[in-house]
Amino acid sequence: MIVAFIPVLASAQHADETPNIQKLTAYQDSLNEFGKHLINDTIEGERMNANASFIKTLVKALKVPHSFNFPFDSVKYFKVLNSPDNRFRFITWHMQFDDGSYRYYGTIQMNTGDRLLMYPLSDYSPFIKKPEDTVTDNKKWYGAQYYDIIPVNSDHPYYVLLGWKGNNVKTTKKVIETISFKNDLPVFGSSVFDGNSKTRKRVVFEYTRQASMLLKYDPDMQSLVFDHLTPPDKKLTGHFDQYGPDLSYDGYRYKDGHWQFIENLDMRNKPNKNDKDYIDPKKQKEVDKATGTGN
């Protein structure tokens, strides 16, 4: 009897969800239209207007019951990143201003079934003077577009985030971030990155906009692997618009809830040429290629 009813119940459930899918598909089409102007319009004011419409449309879409299960995979103008345990997902994107600077936007959507629970992300980057020493929340977010998430099952579980952060006309940044939840509220930053002169709450890399930087998680090594960035001359130390990869690799290796800094990782035959394909979104025709391990 139970087996006989399964197809009927599944069919009824599918029928109930069909109007939601139709609504979400329509919102997805609108997001793509606003996204085109957000990225491509040559007038800054029009990009800002498009972004405002983009935000309003996304909020309406997420209010649709069971929207968490809708992938928005045809939207080329933001990055959707689900946590491996499907507890929540990030939706992040950026806007570039005429002076070459960026602002980041996004939300954390929790997997709560037919009701919406989300934490909007407010980019507070210009006011965070010491990002590697600062714990923040979603209202004072160190903005980035995230492209990978690694769960850490320690005594105090958290997730590591890897993010791209276009900075200005001269430099680009990448970020190793953490997120945890305290009293069901998101917390960014944790003192888990040890070594390389100090313990950091997050790790920020800055380098010339003309270069690409590898930053990835290697599950075989249980390590976060990245290019070693240096200036071409020691006299240029601290001038990050001159920094670039020197063909060696460093990393953070996981141990007991923390990440230990390791110099000169042996990465022979490890990095793949595709690891550096994610670069400045302005250099890509398809914006979704801009939010991975790139610039």
Foldseek 3Di string as FASTA:
>chain_A
DVVVCVVVVVVVVVVVCVVLVVLLVVLLVLLQVLLCCLAPPPDQVSVVVSVVVNVVSVVVNLLAFPSLPPDSVVRLFWDWAADPVNQKIKTKGWGADPQFAIFMWIKIWGRDGGGTDIQTAGDQQVVCPPQFADKDFRPHDPHFGWADKAWDPAPQTKIWTWGWARGGQQKTKIKTKIWHADPNGIMIFDQFEDDPPGTTRMDMAMAGQVAKKFWDQDVVQQKTKIFDWDAPDPVCPPVRSRIYGPPFMWIFHDDRRHTYTGGRDPQVVNDDPLSAQQHDCVVDPRNNSNIHRID
